[in-house]
Amino acid sequence: MVKIKYMHMRKRTSLILFSIYLFGSFTSFAYAEIKVGLVLEKSGKDDKSFNASAYKGLKRAEKELGVTTKTVEAPDNDAYESLQRALAEKKYDLIVAIGFHQLEAVQKNADRFPQQKFLLIDEDAKKPNVRSILFDEHEGCYLVGALAAMHSPSGKVGFIGGMDVPLIRRFQMGYEAGVKKINPKAQMFVNYLGVTGEAWNNPPKAKEQALDQYNRGADVIFVAAGNSGLGVFDAAEAQKKQAIGVDSNQNWLKPGYVLTSMLKRVDDAVFDAIKLYKDGKFATGLTKLGLKTKSVDYAMDENNDKLVTAADRKKLEEIKAEIIAGKIKVPDYYLIKK
């Protein structure tokens, strides 16, 4: 009798332990930590532009989705491969690479770690484990170009690009087309800051170029140059003229002198990709985002609502609708250069 009772207790104990094991395994799976690594360009998370937008999306995911994150900033273009590799070796679930400079590094690491998932912004890696995102920036640039022309009594406007690469030529082409939509006779001043990555982080040179354009008569300058754009805003304030920011909403940097900003919602793209990963819906391949997906636009807030009139906005919304409907074909440097 004692022996039977002992065996019964032993079986019951085993069942309890097995149940605890199953519950523990389930909860461990359900609350498995998701780790996301973000690799930024040299200008870093404080550039108040492109990289800052990506970092904003990452921190939003950390707060709202409960993911664990790590951000690294490359000291130069040669560091991307090793930084990505280090995150892969530490078993980060998703590695987010910001900027076209990282294309080659992502391709190499995608081959080296075929089970690793990557997100690449601004290039198409064409790898089975990479989600690549391209923005139709030229559409947003067309809108801010139209606005620049509306605010240019002299018919003279400027553009300052960072690194002279096809991506920024695409910005310029869209902007110029928008200007000419409003004023076909408008005069355009164009400068680029360089042909290396240093062009994204040179505010003094950008200020010098902007002062020259303003002195030549430009009323508005659109700058697409990362952290260098801060120099253009300083020049706009000094000359009591207007500038247009890029990527992030930069209206707040010099209220009254930043007419608007060409928004490129890298923050949303990063957040959405992380959420898809967490939900088990992460898809690789190429995704294109533009006006139709509300991924590019012009920025409005309390810092520029007195600069951009209701009539301006009405006209811009009309143009936006025509672009989305295909009635306006915004010239694309990527297509023309082919």
C-alpha atoms as a PDB file:
ATOM      1  CA  MET A   1       0.000   0.000   0.000  1.00  0.00           C
ATOM      2  CA  VAL A   2       2.824   2.412   0.888  1.00  0.00           C
ATOM      3  CA  LYS A   3       4.592   1.479  -2.334  1.00  0.00           C
ATOM      4  CA  ILE A   4       1.496   2.229  -4.435  1.00  0.00           C
ATOM      5  CA  LYS A   5       1.023   5.563  -2.665  1.00  0.00           C
ATOM      6  CA  TYR A   6       4.677   6.468  -3.260  1.00  0.00           C
ATOM      7  CA  MET A   7       4.421   5.663  -6.984  1.00  0.00           C
ATOM      8  CA  HIS A   8       1.256   7.762  -7.242  1.00  0.00           C
ATOM      9  CA  MET A   9       2.992  10.740  -5.606  1.00  0.00           C
ATOM     10  CA  ARG A  10       5.988  10.293  -7.867  1.00  0.00           C
ATOM     11  CA  LYS A  11       3.800  10.364 -10.980  1.00  0.00           C
ATOM     12  CA  ARG A  12       2.003  13.460  -9.713  1.00  0.00           C
ATOM     13  CA  THR A  13       5.300  15.214  -9.032  1.00  0.00           C
ATOM     14  CA  SER A  14       6.532  14.333 -12.513  1.00  0.00           C
ATOM     15  CA  LEU A  15       3.367  15.769 -14.069  1.00  0.00           C
ATOM     16  CA  ILE A  16       3.762  18.997 -12.095  1.00  0.00           C
ATOM     17  CA  LEU A  17       7.400  19.330 -13.126  1.00  0.00           C
ATOM     18  CA  PHE A  18       6.526  18.603 -16.758  1.00  0.00           C
ATOM     19  CA  SER A  19       3.792  21.250 -16.644  1.00  0.00           C
ATOM     20  CA  ILE A  20       6.210  23.779 -15.192  1.00  0.00           C
ATOM     21  CA  TYR A  21       8.702  22.925 -17.946  1.00  0.00           C
ATOM     22  CA  LEU A  22       6.091  23.369 -20.649  1.00  0.00           C
ATOM     23  CA  PHE A  23       4.869  26.667 -19.185  1.00  0.00           C
ATOM     24  CA  GLY A  24       8.424  27.901 -18.804  1.00  0.00           C
ATOM     25  CA  SER A  25       9.248  26.974 -22.380  1.00  0.00           C
ATOM     26  CA  PHE A  26       6.096  28.674 -23.646  1.00  0.00           C
ATOM     27  CA  THR A  27       6.674  31.889 -21.729  1.00  0.00           C
ATOM     28  CA  SER A  28      10.327  31.972 -22.780  1.00  0.00           C
ATOM     29  CA  PHE A  29       9.208  31.681 -26.392  1.00  0.00           C
ATOM     30  CA  ALA A  30       6.404  34.178 -25.996  1.00  0.00           C
ATOM     31  CA  TYR A  31       8.668  36.759 -24.409  1.00  0.00           C
ATOM     32  CA  ALA A  32      11.803  36.013 -26.370  1.00  0.00           C
ATOM     33  CA  GLU A  33      13.978  39.093 -26.594  1.00  0.00           C
ATOM     34  CA  ILE A  34      14.156  40.687 -30.040  1.00  0.00           C
ATOM     35  CA  LYS A  35      17.420  42.506 -30.653  1.00  0.00           C
ATOM     36  CA  VAL A  36      17.783  45.152 -33.347  1.00  0.00           C
ATOM     37  CA  GLY A  37      21.097  46.705 -34.334  1.00  0.00           C
ATOM     38  CA  LEU A  38      21.258  50.055 -36.159  1.00  0.00           C
ATOM     39  CA  VAL A  39      24.323  51.042 -38.201  1.00  0.00           C
ATOM     40  CA  LEU A  40      24.462  54.766 -38.944  1.00  0.00           C
ATOM     41  CA  GLU A  41      26.667  56.877 -41.164  1.00  0.00           C
ATOM     42  CA  LYS A  42      29.502  59.017 -39.826  1.00  0.00           C
ATOM     43  CA  SER A  43      27.295  62.075 -39.283  1.00  0.00           C
ATOM     44  CA  GLY A  44      25.426  59.984 -36.709  1.00  0.00           C
ATOM     45  CA  LYS A  45      22.176  60.147 -34.793  1.00  0.00           C
ATOM     46  CA  ASP A  46      22.600  63.835 -33.983  1.00  0.00           C
ATOM     47  CA  ASP A  47      22.744  65.073 -37.585  1.00  0.00           C
ATOM     48  CA  LYS A  48      19.129  66.351 -37.222  1.00  0.00           C
ATOM     49  CA  SER A  49      18.411  64.913 -40.663  1.00  0.00           C
ATOM     50  CA  PHE A  50      18.694  61.482 -42.308  1.00  0.00           C
ATOM     51  CA  ASN A  51      20.425  59.482 -39.567  1.00  0.00           C
ATOM     52  CA  ALA A  52      18.425  61.223 -36.852  1.00  0.00           C
ATOM     53  CA  SER A  53      15.220  60.085 -38.532  1.00  0.00           C
ATOM     54  CA  ALA A  54      16.379  56.453 -38.557  1.00  0.00           C
ATOM     55  CA  TYR A  55      17.356  56.670 -34.885  1.00  0.00           C
ATOM     56  CA  LYS A  56      13.958  58.148 -34.055  1.00  0.00           C
ATOM     57  CA  GLY A  57      12.257  55.136 -35.642  1.00  0.00           C
ATOM     58  CA  LEU A  58      14.488  52.752 -33.694  1.00  0.00           C
ATOM     59  CA  LYS A  59      13.799  54.427 -30.348  1.00  0.00           C
ATOM     60  CA  ARG A  60      10.075  54.408 -31.090  1.00  0.00           C
ATOM     61  CA  ALA A  61      10.283  50.643 -31.668  1.00  0.00           C
ATOM     62  CA  GLU A  62      12.181  50.256 -28.406  1.00  0.00           C
ATOM     63  CA  LYS A  63       9.449  52.143 -26.537  1.00  0.00           C
ATOM     64  CA  GLU A  64       6.335  50.792 -28.254  1.00  0.00           C
ATOM     65  CA  LEU A  65       7.405  47.267 -29.228  1.00  0.00           C
ATOM     66  CA  GLY A  66       9.718  46.439 -26.340  1.00  0.00           C
ATOM     67  CA  VAL A  67      12.674  45.452 -28.518  1.00  0.00           C
ATOM     68  CA  THR A  68      16.268  45.684 -27.346  1.00  0.00           C
ATOM     69  CA  THR A  69      18.375  48.019 -29.480  1.00  0.00           C
ATOM     70  CA  LYS A  70      21.968  48.959 -30.124  1.00  0.00           C
ATOM     71  CA  THR A  71      23.175  51.873 -32.255  1.00  0.00           C
ATOM     72  CA  VAL A  72      26.642  52.152 -33.768  1.00  0.00           C
ATOM     73  CA  GLU A  73      28.065  54.990 -35.852  1.00  0.00           C
ATOM     74  CA  ALA A  74      30.664  54.304 -38.534  1.00  0.00           C
ATOM     75  CA  PRO A  75      33.834  56.419 -38.299  1.00  0.00           C
ATOM     76  CA  ASP A  76      34.249  56.019 -42.066  1.00  0.00           C
ATOM     77  CA  ASN A  77      32.879  54.028 -45.011  1.00  0.00           C
ATOM     78  CA  ASP A  78      35.395  51.214 -44.460  1.00  0.00           C
ATOM     79  CA  ALA A  79      33.850  50.370 -41.079  1.00  0.00           C
ATOM     80  CA  TYR A  80      30.373  49.317 -42.243  1.00  0.00           C
ATOM     81  CA  GLU A  81      31.222  45.691 -42.967  1.00  0.00           C
ATOM     82  CA  SER A  82      32.895  45.029 -39.617  1.00  0.00           C
ATOM     83  CA  LEU A  83      30.157  46.823 -37.648  1.00  0.00           C
ATOM     84  CA  GLN A  84      27.424  44.807 -39.339  1.00  0.00           C
ATOM     85  CA  ARG A  85      29.407  41.594 -38.901  1.00  0.00           C
ATOM     86  CA  ALA A  86      29.858  42.233 -35.176  1.00  0.00           C
ATOM     87  CA  LEU A  87      26.092  42.605 -34.723  1.00  0.00           C
ATOM     88  CA  ALA A  88      25.453  39.401 -36.696  1.00  0.00           C
ATOM     89  CA  GLU A  89      27.988  37.494 -34.609  1.00  0.00           C
ATOM     90  CA  LYS A  90      26.233  38.718 -31.452  1.00  0.00           C
ATOM     91  CA  LYS A  91      22.990  37.224 -32.789  1.00  0.00           C
ATOM     92  CA  TYR A  92      21.039  40.421 -33.362  1.00  0.00           C
ATOM     93  CA  ASP A  93      17.756  39.435 -34.991  1.00  0.00           C
ATOM     94  CA  LEU A  94      17.562  42.375 -37.385  1.00  0.00           C
ATOM     95  CA  ILE A  95      20.364  44.623 -38.587  1.00  0.00           C
ATOM     96  CA  VAL A  96      19.324  48.017 -39.964  1.00  0.00           C
ATOM     97  CA  ALA A  97      21.810  49.661 -42.339  1.00  0.00           C
ATOM     98  CA  ILE A  98      21.215  53.328 -43.138  1.00  0.00           C
ATOM     99  CA  GLY A  99      22.412  54.834 -46.401  1.00  0.00           C
ATOM    100  CA  PHE A 100      23.561  53.782 -49.864  1.00  0.00           C
ATOM    101  CA  HIS A 101      27.163  53.717 -48.647  1.00  0.00           C
ATOM    102  CA  GLN A 102      26.360  50.429 -46.863  1.00  0.00           C
ATOM    103  CA  LEU A 103      25.247  48.487 -49.946  1.00  0.00           C
ATOM    104  CA  GLU A 104      28.451  46.501 -50.520  1.00  0.00           C
ATOM    105  CA  ALA A 105      28.863  45.717 -46.818  1.00  0.00           C
ATOM    106  CA  VAL A 106      25.273  44.463 -46.564  1.00  0.00           C
ATOM    107  CA  GLN A 107      25.691  42.264 -49.638  1.00  0.00           C
ATOM    108  CA  LYS A 108      28.851  40.669 -48.259  1.00  0.00           C
ATOM    109  CA  ASN A 109      27.371  40.088 -44.813  1.00  0.00           C
ATOM    110  CA  ALA A 110      24.098  38.808 -46.252  1.00  0.00           C
ATOM    111  CA  ASP A 111      26.118  36.105 -48.008  1.00  0.00           C
ATOM    112  CA  ARG A 112      28.254  35.453 -44.931  1.00  0.00           C
ATOM    113  CA  PHE A 113      25.206  35.133 -42.637  1.00  0.00           C
ATOM    114  CA  PRO A 114      22.396  33.709 -44.812  1.00  0.00           C
ATOM    115  CA  GLN A 115      20.026  33.297 -41.830  1.00  0.00           C
ATOM    116  CA  GLN A 116      20.520  36.900 -40.707  1.00  0.00           C
ATOM    117  CA  LYS A 117      17.842  39.450 -41.603  1.00  0.00           C
ATOM    118  CA  PHE A 118      18.838  42.927 -42.792  1.00  0.00           C
ATOM    119  CA  LEU A 119      17.046  46.179 -43.574  1.00  0.00           C
ATOM    120  CA  LEU A 120      18.836  48.473 -46.029  1.00  0.00           C
ATOM    121  CA  ILE A 121      17.672  52.042 -46.641  1.00  0.00           C
ATOM    122  CA  ASP A 122      18.388  53.843 -49.942  1.00  0.00           C
ATOM    123  CA  GLU A 123      19.723  50.917 -51.997  1.00  0.00           C
ATOM    124  CA  ASP A 124      18.558  47.574 -53.357  1.00  0.00           C
ATOM    125  CA  ALA A 125      20.791  44.756 -52.096  1.00  0.00           C
ATOM    126  CA  LYS A 126      19.071  42.087 -54.215  1.00  0.00           C
ATOM    127  CA  LYS A 127      19.714  39.445 -51.557  1.00  0.00           C
ATOM    128  CA  PRO A 128      17.176  36.889 -50.253  1.00  0.00           C
ATOM    129  CA  ASN A 129      17.637  37.899 -46.600  1.00  0.00           C
ATOM    130  CA  VAL A 130      17.551  41.683 -47.098  1.00  0.00           C
ATOM    131  CA  ARG A 131      14.565  44.022 -47.063  1.00  0.00           C
ATOM    132  CA  SER A 132      15.585  46.980 -49.243  1.00  0.00           C
ATOM    133  CA  ILE A 133      13.725  50.283 -49.189  1.00  0.00           C
ATOM    134  CA  LEU A 134      13.899  53.045 -51.784  1.00  0.00           C
ATOM    135  CA  PHE A 135      12.073  56.346 -51.479  1.00  0.00           C
ATOM    136  CA  ASP A 136      10.688  58.428 -54.338  1.00  0.00           C
ATOM    137  CA  GLU A 137      12.407  61.510 -52.944  1.00  0.00           C
ATOM    138  CA  HIS A 138      12.049  63.374 -56.229  1.00  0.00           C
ATOM    139  CA  GLU A 139       8.282  63.573 -55.651  1.00  0.00           C
ATOM    140  CA  GLY A 140       8.692  65.365 -52.325  1.00  0.00           C
ATOM    141  CA  CYS A 141      11.422  67.562 -53.798  1.00  0.00           C
ATOM    142  CA  TYR A 142       9.031  68.618 -56.554  1.00  0.00           C
ATOM    143  CA  LEU A 143       6.604  69.890 -53.913  1.00  0.00           C
ATOM    144  CA  VAL A 144       9.182  71.939 -52.010  1.00  0.00           C
ATOM    145  CA  GLY A 145      10.497  73.253 -55.329  1.00  0.00           C
ATOM    146  CA  ALA A 146       7.043  74.553 -56.158  1.00  0.00           C
ATOM    147  CA  LEU A 147       6.845  76.197 -52.723  1.00  0.00           C
ATOM    148  CA  ALA A 148      10.288  77.775 -53.169  1.00  0.00           C
ATOM    149  CA  ALA A 149       9.159  79.338 -56.450  1.00  0.00           C
ATOM    150  CA  MET A 150       6.018  80.706 -54.773  1.00  0.00           C
ATOM    151  CA  HIS A 151       8.281  82.467 -52.244  1.00  0.00           C
ATOM    152  CA  SER A 152      10.820  83.839 -54.690  1.00  0.00           C
ATOM    153  CA  PRO A 153       9.966  87.368 -55.829  1.00  0.00           C
ATOM    154  CA  SER A 154      13.229  87.574 -57.808  1.00  0.00           C
ATOM    155  CA  GLY A 155      12.749  84.223 -59.542  1.00  0.00           C
ATOM    156  CA  LYS A 156      16.119  83.074 -58.191  1.00  0.00           C
ATOM    157  CA  VAL A 157      16.419  79.973 -56.013  1.00  0.00           C
ATOM    158  CA  GLY A 158      19.246  77.726 -54.899  1.00  0.00           C
ATOM    159  CA  PHE A 159      20.114  74.094 -54.254  1.00  0.00           C
ATOM    160  CA  ILE A 160      23.019  72.804 -52.177  1.00  0.00           C
ATOM    161  CA  GLY A 161      23.726  69.086 -52.230  1.00  0.00           C
ATOM    162  CA  GLY A 162      26.021  67.102 -50.001  1.00  0.00           C
ATOM    163  CA  MET A 163      27.935  64.395 -51.809  1.00  0.00           C
ATOM    164  CA  ASP A 164      27.679  64.580 -55.607  1.00  0.00           C
ATOM    165  CA  VAL A 165      26.005  61.205 -56.199  1.00  0.00           C
ATOM    166  CA  PRO A 166      22.964  60.053 -58.221  1.00  0.00           C
ATOM    167  CA  LEU A 167      20.724  60.078 -55.136  1.00  0.00           C
ATOM    168  CA  ILE A 168      21.266  63.794 -54.511  1.00  0.00           C
ATOM    169  CA  ARG A 169      21.124  64.593 -58.228  1.00  0.00           C
ATOM    170  CA  ARG A 170      17.674  63.030 -58.019  1.00  0.00           C
ATOM    171  CA  PHE A 171      16.747  65.492 -55.261  1.00  0.00           C
ATOM    172  CA  GLN A 172      18.018  68.372 -57.370  1.00  0.00           C
ATOM    173  CA  MET A 173      16.153  67.299 -60.497  1.00  0.00           C
ATOM    174  CA  GLY A 174      12.835  66.918 -58.692  1.00  0.00           C
ATOM    175  CA  TYR A 175      13.291  70.267 -56.937  1.00  0.00           C
ATOM    176  CA  GLU A 176      14.155  72.110 -60.122  1.00  0.00           C
ATOM    177  CA  ALA A 177      11.144  70.605 -61.927  1.00  0.00           C
ATOM    178  CA  GLY A 178       8.873  71.827 -59.110  1.00  0.00           C
ATOM    179  CA  VAL A 179      10.355  75.312 -59.316  1.00  0.00           C
ATOM    180  CA  LYS A 180       9.813  75.417 -63.087  1.00  0.00           C
ATOM    181  CA  LYS A 181       6.216  74.225 -62.647  1.00  0.00           C
ATOM    182  CA  ILE A 182       5.463  77.538 -60.921  1.00  0.00           C
ATOM    183  CA  ASN A 183       7.968  79.766 -62.719  1.00  0.00           C
ATOM    184  CA  PRO A 184       9.333  78.387 -66.008  1.00  0.00           C
ATOM    185  CA  LYS A 185      11.801  81.297 -66.193  1.00  0.00           C
ATOM    186  CA  ALA A 186      13.267  80.797 -62.716  1.00  0.00           C
ATOM    187  CA  GLN A 187      17.042  80.871 -62.308  1.00  0.00           C
ATOM    188  CA  MET A 188      18.681  78.057 -60.327  1.00  0.00           C
ATOM    189  CA  PHE A 189      21.995  78.209 -58.453  1.00  0.00           C
ATOM    190  CA  VAL A 190      23.532  74.789 -57.692  1.00  0.00           C
ATOM    191  CA  ASN A 191      26.462  73.735 -55.519  1.00  0.00           C
ATOM    192  CA  TYR A 192      27.724  70.420 -54.152  1.00  0.00           C
ATOM    193  CA  LEU A 193      29.913  70.090 -51.098  1.00  0.00           C
ATOM    194  CA  GLY A 194      32.172  67.300 -52.316  1.00  0.00           C
ATOM    195  CA  VAL A 195      32.603  63.790 -53.657  1.00  0.00           C
ATOM    196  CA  THR A 196      33.406  61.971 -50.405  1.00  0.00           C
ATOM    197  CA  GLY A 197      31.462  61.187 -47.246  1.00  0.00           C
ATOM    198  CA  GLU A 198      32.895  64.319 -45.614  1.00  0.00           C
ATOM    199  CA  ALA A 199      30.371  66.299 -47.657  1.00  0.00           C
ATOM    200  CA  TRP A 200      27.625  65.271 -45.230  1.00  0.00           C
ATOM    201  CA  ASN A 201      29.376  66.864 -42.266  1.00  0.00           C
ATOM    202  CA  ASN A 202      30.756  70.220 -43.341  1.00  0.00           C
ATOM    203  CA  PRO A 203      28.479  73.056 -42.100  1.00  0.00           C
ATOM    204  CA  PRO A 204      31.114  75.813 -42.607  1.00  0.00           C
ATOM    205  CA  LYS A 205      31.481  75.058 -46.320  1.00  0.00           C
ATOM    206  CA  ALA A 206      27.714  74.789 -46.720  1.00  0.00           C
ATOM    207  CA  LYS A 207      27.298  78.191 -45.059  1.00  0.00           C
ATOM    208  CA  GLU A 208      29.897  79.696 -47.391  1.00  0.00           C
ATOM    209  CA  GLN A 209      28.118  78.330 -50.473  1.00  0.00           C
ATOM    210  CA  ALA A 210      24.727  79.488 -49.178  1.00  0.00           C
ATOM    211  CA  LEU A 211      25.972  83.016 -48.486  1.00  0.00           C
ATOM    212  CA  ASP A 212      27.287  83.159 -52.041  1.00  0.00           C
ATOM    213  CA  GLN A 213      23.928  82.052 -53.476  1.00  0.00           C
ATOM    214  CA  TYR A 214      21.997  84.514 -51.308  1.00  0.00           C
ATOM    215  CA  ASN A 215      24.360  87.316 -52.328  1.00  0.00           C
ATOM    216  CA  ARG A 216      23.705  86.421 -55.973  1.00  0.00           C
ATOM    217  CA  GLY A 217      20.007  86.946 -55.376  1.00  0.00           C
ATOM    218  CA  ALA A 218      18.569  83.615 -54.273  1.00  0.00           C
ATOM    219  CA  ASP A 219      15.485  84.024 -52.109  1.00  0.00           C
ATOM    220  CA  VAL A 220      15.222  80.373 -51.045  1.00  0.00           C
ATOM    221  CA  ILE A 221      17.790  77.538 -50.868  1.00  0.00           C
ATOM    222  CA  PHE A 222      16.945  73.850 -50.582  1.00  0.00           C
ATOM    223  CA  VAL A 223      19.731  71.891 -48.912  1.00  0.00           C
ATOM    224  CA  ALA A 224      20.097  68.108 -49.085  1.00  0.00           C
ATOM    225  CA  ALA A 225      23.382  67.574 -47.292  1.00  0.00           C
ATOM    226  CA  GLY A 226      22.871  65.863 -43.937  1.00  0.00           C
ATOM    227  CA  ASN A 227      24.531  67.620 -41.029  1.00  0.00           C
ATOM    228  CA  SER A 228      26.075  70.181 -43.415  1.00  0.00           C
ATOM    229  CA  GLY A 229      22.641  71.707 -43.834  1.00  0.00           C
ATOM    230  CA  LEU A 230      23.012  73.445 -40.474  1.00  0.00           C
ATOM    231  CA  GLY A 231      25.404  75.867 -42.159  1.00  0.00           C
ATOM    232  CA  VAL A 232      22.761  76.806 -44.727  1.00  0.00           C
ATOM    233  CA  PHE A 233      20.262  77.577 -41.964  1.00  0.00           C
ATOM    234  CA  ASP A 234      22.825  79.844 -40.300  1.00  0.00           C
ATOM    235  CA  ALA A 235      23.311  81.672 -43.598  1.00  0.00           C
ATOM    236  CA  ALA A 236      19.545  82.050 -44.081  1.00  0.00           C
ATOM    237  CA  GLU A 237      19.235  83.659 -40.660  1.00  0.00           C
ATOM    238  CA  ALA A 238      22.209  85.942 -41.286  1.00  0.00           C
ATOM    239  CA  GLN A 239      20.814  87.108 -44.638  1.00  0.00           C
ATOM    240  CA  LYS A 240      17.175  87.187 -43.518  1.00  0.00           C
ATOM    241  CA  LYS A 241      16.336  84.785 -46.338  1.00  0.00           C
ATOM    242  CA  GLN A 242      14.690  81.358 -46.392  1.00  0.00           C
ATOM    243  CA  ALA A 243      15.972  77.780 -46.540  1.00  0.00           C
ATOM    244  CA  ILE A 244      14.322  74.385 -46.958  1.00  0.00           C
ATOM    245  CA  GLY A 245      15.382  71.437 -44.811  1.00  0.00           C
ATOM    246  CA  VAL A 246      15.479  67.750 -45.656  1.00  0.00           C
ATOM    247  CA  ASP A 247      14.690  64.227 -44.403  1.00  0.00           C
ATOM    248  CA  SER A 248      13.620  65.134 -40.853  1.00  0.00           C
ATOM    249  CA  ASN A 249      11.370  68.056 -39.970  1.00  0.00           C
ATOM    250  CA  GLN A 250      13.996  70.785 -39.533  1.00  0.00           C
ATOM    251  CA  ASN A 251      11.575  73.710 -39.292  1.00  0.00           C
ATOM    252  CA  TRP A 252      12.376  74.146 -35.605  1.00  0.00           C
ATOM    253  CA  LEU A 253      16.092  74.726 -36.156  1.00  0.00           C
ATOM    254  CA  LYS A 254      15.667  78.314 -37.331  1.00  0.00           C
ATOM    255  CA  PRO A 255      11.998  79.292 -36.913  1.00  0.00           C
ATOM    256  CA  GLY A 256      11.042  81.994 -39.388  1.00  0.00           C
ATOM    257  CA  TYR A 257      13.880  81.132 -41.754  1.00  0.00           C
ATOM    258  CA  VAL A 258      13.133  77.489 -42.602  1.00  0.00           C
ATOM    259  CA  LEU A 259      10.260  77.662 -45.067  1.00  0.00           C
ATOM    260  CA  THR A 260       9.576  73.930 -44.834  1.00  0.00           C
ATOM    261  CA  SER A 261      11.388  70.584 -44.904  1.00  0.00           C
ATOM    262  CA  MET A 262      11.188  67.801 -47.455  1.00  0.00           C
ATOM    263  CA  LEU A 263      10.170  64.913 -45.243  1.00  0.00           C
ATOM    264  CA  LYS A 264      11.581  61.478 -45.980  1.00  0.00           C
ATOM    265  CA  ARG A 265       9.992  59.174 -43.439  1.00  0.00           C
ATOM    266  CA  VAL A 266      12.957  56.945 -42.697  1.00  0.00           C
ATOM    267  CA  ASP A 267      11.686  56.811 -39.100  1.00  0.00           C
ATOM    268  CA  ASP A 268       8.446  55.158 -40.208  1.00  0.00           C
ATOM    269  CA  ALA A 269      10.281  52.761 -42.539  1.00  0.00           C
ATOM    270  CA  VAL A 270      12.558  51.588 -39.709  1.00  0.00           C
ATOM    271  CA  PHE A 271       9.731  51.271 -37.177  1.00  0.00           C
ATOM    272  CA  ASP A 272       7.444  49.445 -39.613  1.00  0.00           C
ATOM    273  CA  ALA A 273      10.156  46.933 -40.546  1.00  0.00           C
ATOM    274  CA  ILE A 274      10.871  46.162 -36.893  1.00  0.00           C
ATOM    275  CA  LYS A 275       7.164  45.721 -36.200  1.00  0.00           C
ATOM    276  CA  LEU A 276       6.835  43.373 -39.171  1.00  0.00           C
ATOM    277  CA  TYR A 277       9.733  41.350 -37.810  1.00  0.00           C
ATOM    278  CA  LYS A 278       8.186  41.147 -34.349  1.00  0.00           C
ATOM    279  CA  ASP A 279       4.825  40.129 -35.841  1.00  0.00           C
ATOM    280  CA  GLY A 280       6.433  37.398 -37.948  1.00  0.00           C
ATOM    281  CA  LYS A 281       5.569  39.214 -41.186  1.00  0.00           C
ATOM    282  CA  PHE A 282       9.000  40.546 -42.179  1.00  0.00           C
ATOM    283  CA  ALA A 283       9.367  40.267 -45.959  1.00  0.00           C
ATOM    284  CA  THR A 284      12.592  40.647 -47.894  1.00  0.00           C
ATOM    285  CA  GLY A 285      12.978  42.123 -51.367  1.00  0.00           C
ATOM    286  CA  LEU A 286      12.499  45.685 -52.620  1.00  0.00           C
ATOM    287  CA  THR A 287       9.886  48.113 -51.266  1.00  0.00           C
ATOM    288  CA  LYS A 288       9.323  51.564 -52.797  1.00  0.00           C
ATOM    289  CA  LEU A 289       7.803  54.420 -50.812  1.00  0.00           C
ATOM    290  CA  GLY A 290       6.611  57.811 -51.999  1.00  0.00           C
ATOM    291  CA  LEU A 291       3.826  60.387 -51.861  1.00  0.00           C
ATOM    292  CA  LYS A 292       1.153  57.725 -52.266  1.00  0.00           C
ATOM    293  CA  THR A 293       2.314  55.940 -49.109  1.00  0.00           C
ATOM    294  CA  LYS A 294       2.785  59.274 -47.259  1.00  0.00           C
ATOM    295  CA  SER A 295       6.481  58.503 -46.993  1.00  0.00           C
ATOM    296  CA  VAL A 296       7.658  61.797 -48.514  1.00  0.00           C
ATOM    297  CA  ASP A 297       5.981  65.179 -48.088  1.00  0.00           C
ATOM    298  CA  TYR A 298       6.504  68.791 -47.057  1.00  0.00           C
ATOM    299  CA  ALA A 299       6.523  69.625 -43.344  1.00  0.00           C
ATOM    300  CA  MET A 300       4.018  71.894 -41.633  1.00  0.00           C
ATOM    301  CA  ASP A 301       4.034  72.843 -37.952  1.00  0.00           C
ATOM    302  CA  GLU A 302       3.862  75.824 -35.621  1.00  0.00           C
ATOM    303  CA  ASN A 303       7.310  76.962 -36.773  1.00  0.00           C
ATOM    304  CA  ASN A 304       6.292  77.652 -40.381  1.00  0.00           C
ATOM    305  CA  ASP A 305       2.517  77.993 -40.353  1.00  0.00           C
ATOM    306  CA  LYS A 306       2.860  81.781 -40.700  1.00  0.00           C
ATOM    307  CA  LEU A 307       5.286  81.409 -43.612  1.00  0.00           C
ATOM    308  CA  VAL A 308       3.277  78.970 -45.701  1.00  0.00           C
ATOM    309  CA  THR A 309      -0.126  80.486 -46.462  1.00  0.00           C
ATOM    310  CA  ALA A 310      -3.428  78.679 -46.910  1.00  0.00           C
ATOM    311  CA  ALA A 311      -3.190  79.491 -50.626  1.00  0.00           C
ATOM    312  CA  ASP A 312       0.290  77.937 -50.757  1.00  0.00           C
ATOM    313  CA  ARG A 313      -0.964  74.766 -49.119  1.00  0.00           C
ATOM    314  CA  LYS A 314      -3.989  74.554 -51.385  1.00  0.00           C
ATOM    315  CA  LYS A 315      -1.720  74.733 -54.430  1.00  0.00           C
ATOM    316  CA  LEU A 316       0.701  72.164 -53.013  1.00  0.00           C
ATOM    317  CA  GLU A 317      -2.112  69.749 -52.219  1.00  0.00           C
ATOM    318  CA  GLU A 318      -3.407  70.110 -55.779  1.00  0.00           C
ATOM    319  CA  ILE A 319       0.054  69.330 -57.146  1.00  0.00           C
ATOM    320  CA  LYS A 320       0.443  66.402 -54.757  1.00  0.00           C
ATOM    321  CA  ALA A 321      -2.871  64.915 -55.910  1.00  0.00           C
ATOM    322  CA  GLU A 322      -1.815  65.256 -59.556  1.00  0.00           C
ATOM    323  CA  ILE A 323       1.487  63.480 -58.895  1.00  0.00           C
ATOM    324  CA  ILE A 324      -0.259  60.629 -57.093  1.00  0.00           C
ATOM    325  CA  ALA A 325      -2.814  60.347 -59.910  1.00  0.00           C
ATOM    326  CA  GLY A 326      -0.050  60.249 -62.505  1.00  0.00           C
ATOM    327  CA  LYS A 327      -1.105  63.519 -64.125  1.00  0.00           C
ATOM    328  CA  ILE A 328       2.262  65.074 -63.275  1.00  0.00           C
ATOM    329  CA  LYS A 329       5.311  62.971 -64.146  1.00  0.00           C
ATOM    330  CA  VAL A 330       8.176  64.052 -61.920  1.00  0.00           C
ATOM    331  CA  PRO A 331      11.501  63.604 -63.759  1.00  0.00           C
ATOM    332  CA  ASP A 332      13.637  60.904 -62.154  1.00  0.00           C
ATOM    333  CA  TYR A 333      17.431  61.142 -62.375  1.00  0.00           C
ATOM    334  CA  TYR A 334      17.711  57.393 -61.823  1.00  0.00           C
ATOM    335  CA  LEU A 335      15.806  56.764 -65.056  1.00  0.00           C
ATOM    336  CA  ILE A 336      17.416  59.529 -67.076  1.00  0.00           C
ATOM    337  CA  LYS A 337      21.007  58.525 -66.221  1.00  0.00           C
ATOM    338  CA  LYS A 338      20.331  55.034 -67.594  1.00  0.00           C
END
